């Protein structure tokens, strides 16, 4: 029983870490696209 709870906690922690990485990468990509648009819009 304790093994199942421990497994569930580690699975949840891995999911949260993965979600954090995805959110960080998405924001990084969005910032890069905004930077490209702002540099391209300047004359």
N, C-alpha and C. Protein backbone atom coordinates (compact mmCIF):
# COMPACT_ATOMS: atom_id res chain seq x y z
N UNK A 1 0.83 -1.20 0.00
CA UNK A 1 0.00 0.00 0.00
C UNK A 1 0.87 1.26 0.00
N UNK A 2 1.87 1.29 0.87
CA UNK A 2 2.74 2.46 0.93
C UNK A 2 3.52 2.62 -0.37
N UNK A 3 3.80 1.50 -1.04
CA UNK A 3 4.50 1.56 -2.32
C UNK A 3 3.67 2.29 -3.37
N UNK A 4 2.37 2.04 -3.39
CA UNK A 4 1.49 2.69 -4.36
C UNK A 4 1.39 4.18 -4.10
N UNK A 5 1.35 4.57 -2.84
CA UNK A 5 1.28 6.00 -2.50
C UNK A 5 2.57 6.69 -2.90
N UNK A 6 3.70 6.05 -2.62
CA UNK A 6 5.00 6.61 -2.97
C UNK A 6 5.13 6.75 -4.48
N UNK A 7 4.66 5.73 -5.21
CA UNK A 7 4.72 5.77 -6.67
C UNK A 7 3.86 6.90 -7.21
N UNK A 8 2.69 7.09 -6.62
CA UNK A 8 1.77 8.15 -7.06
C UNK A 8 2.39 9.53 -6.80
N UNK A 9 3.05 9.69 -5.64
CA UNK A 9 3.68 10.98 -5.34
C UNK A 9 4.82 11.28 -6.31
N UNK A 10 5.63 10.28 -6.62
CA UNK A 10 6.74 10.51 -7.55
C UNK A 10 6.22 10.79 -8.96
N UNK A 11 5.13 10.12 -9.33
CA UNK A 11 4.54 10.37 -10.65
C UNK A 11 3.98 11.78 -10.73
N UNK A 12 3.34 12.24 -9.63
CA UNK A 12 2.79 13.59 -9.59
C UNK A 12 3.90 14.63 -9.65
N UNK A 13 4.99 14.37 -8.91
CA UNK A 13 6.12 15.30 -8.92
C UNK A 13 6.73 15.39 -10.32
N UNK A 14 6.88 14.24 -10.99
CA UNK A 14 7.43 14.24 -12.35
C UNK A 14 6.52 15.01 -13.29
N UNK A 15 5.20 14.87 -13.13
CA UNK A 15 4.26 15.58 -13.99
C UNK A 15 4.37 17.09 -13.76
N UNK A 16 4.51 17.52 -12.49
CA UNK A 16 4.62 18.95 -12.21
C UNK A 16 5.91 19.53 -12.77
N UNK A 17 7.01 18.77 -12.66
CA UNK A 17 8.28 19.23 -13.22
C UNK A 17 8.17 19.35 -14.74
N UNK A 18 7.55 18.36 -15.38
CA UNK A 18 7.38 18.40 -16.84
C UNK A 18 6.51 19.57 -17.25
N UNK A 19 5.43 19.83 -16.51
CA UNK A 19 4.55 20.95 -16.81
C UNK A 19 5.30 22.27 -16.66
N UNK A 20 6.12 22.38 -15.62
CA UNK A 20 6.91 23.60 -15.43
C UNK A 20 7.88 23.84 -16.56
N UNK A 21 8.51 22.76 -17.03
CA UNK A 21 9.45 22.89 -18.14
C UNK A 21 8.72 23.32 -19.41
N UNK A 22 7.55 22.71 -19.66
CA UNK A 22 6.77 23.09 -20.84
C UNK A 22 6.33 24.54 -20.78
N UNK A 23 5.88 24.99 -19.62
CA UNK A 23 5.44 26.38 -19.48
C UNK A 23 6.62 27.33 -19.68
N UNK A 24 7.77 27.00 -19.10
CA UNK A 24 8.96 27.84 -19.26
C UNK A 24 9.38 27.91 -20.73
N UNK A 25 9.39 26.76 -21.42
CA UNK A 25 9.80 26.73 -22.82
C UNK A 25 8.82 27.50 -23.69
N UNK A 26 7.53 27.39 -23.40
CA UNK A 26 6.53 28.13 -24.18
C UNK A 26 6.72 29.63 -24.00
N UNK A 27 6.96 30.08 -22.79
CA UNK A 27 7.18 31.50 -22.56
C UNK A 27 8.47 31.98 -23.22
N UNK A 28 9.49 31.15 -23.20
CA UNK A 28 10.74 31.50 -23.86
C UNK A 28 10.53 31.66 -25.36
N UNK A 29 9.80 30.72 -25.96
CA UNK A 29 9.50 30.79 -27.40
C UNK A 29 8.65 32.02 -27.72
N UNK A 30 7.64 32.29 -26.90
CA UNK A 30 6.78 33.45 -27.13
C UNK A 30 7.60 34.75 -27.02
N UNK A 31 8.49 34.82 -26.05
CA UNK A 31 9.35 35.99 -25.92
C UNK A 31 10.25 36.17 -27.12
N UNK A 32 10.76 35.07 -27.66
CA UNK A 32 11.60 35.13 -28.86
C UNK A 32 10.81 35.64 -30.06
N UNK A 33 9.58 35.16 -30.21
CA UNK A 33 8.73 35.61 -31.33
C UNK A 33 8.41 37.10 -31.18
N UNK A 34 8.10 37.54 -29.96
CA UNK A 34 7.82 38.97 -29.73
C UNK A 34 9.06 39.80 -30.03
N UNK A 35 10.24 39.30 -29.65
CA UNK A 35 11.49 39.99 -29.95
C UNK A 35 11.68 40.12 -31.45
N UNK A 36 11.42 39.04 -32.19
CA UNK A 36 11.56 39.10 -33.65
C UNK A 36 10.61 40.12 -34.26
N UNK A 37 9.37 40.15 -33.79
CA UNK A 37 8.40 41.12 -34.31
C UNK A 37 8.81 42.54 -33.97
N UNK A 38 9.31 42.78 -32.77
CA UNK A 38 9.69 44.13 -32.38
C UNK A 38 10.93 44.58 -33.15
N UNK A 39 11.86 43.69 -33.38
CA UNK A 39 13.04 44.06 -34.17
C UNK A 39 12.68 44.24 -35.64
N UNK A 40 11.76 43.43 -36.15
CA UNK A 40 11.33 43.56 -37.54
C UNK A 40 10.48 44.78 -37.78
N UNK A 41 9.77 45.24 -36.75
CA UNK A 41 8.90 46.41 -36.90
C UNK A 41 9.66 47.72 -36.88
N UNK A 42 10.87 47.71 -36.35
CA UNK A 42 11.67 48.95 -36.31
C UNK A 42 12.24 49.25 -37.69
N UNK A 43 12.33 50.53 -38.01
CA UNK A 43 12.95 50.90 -39.29
C UNK A 43 14.04 51.90 -39.05
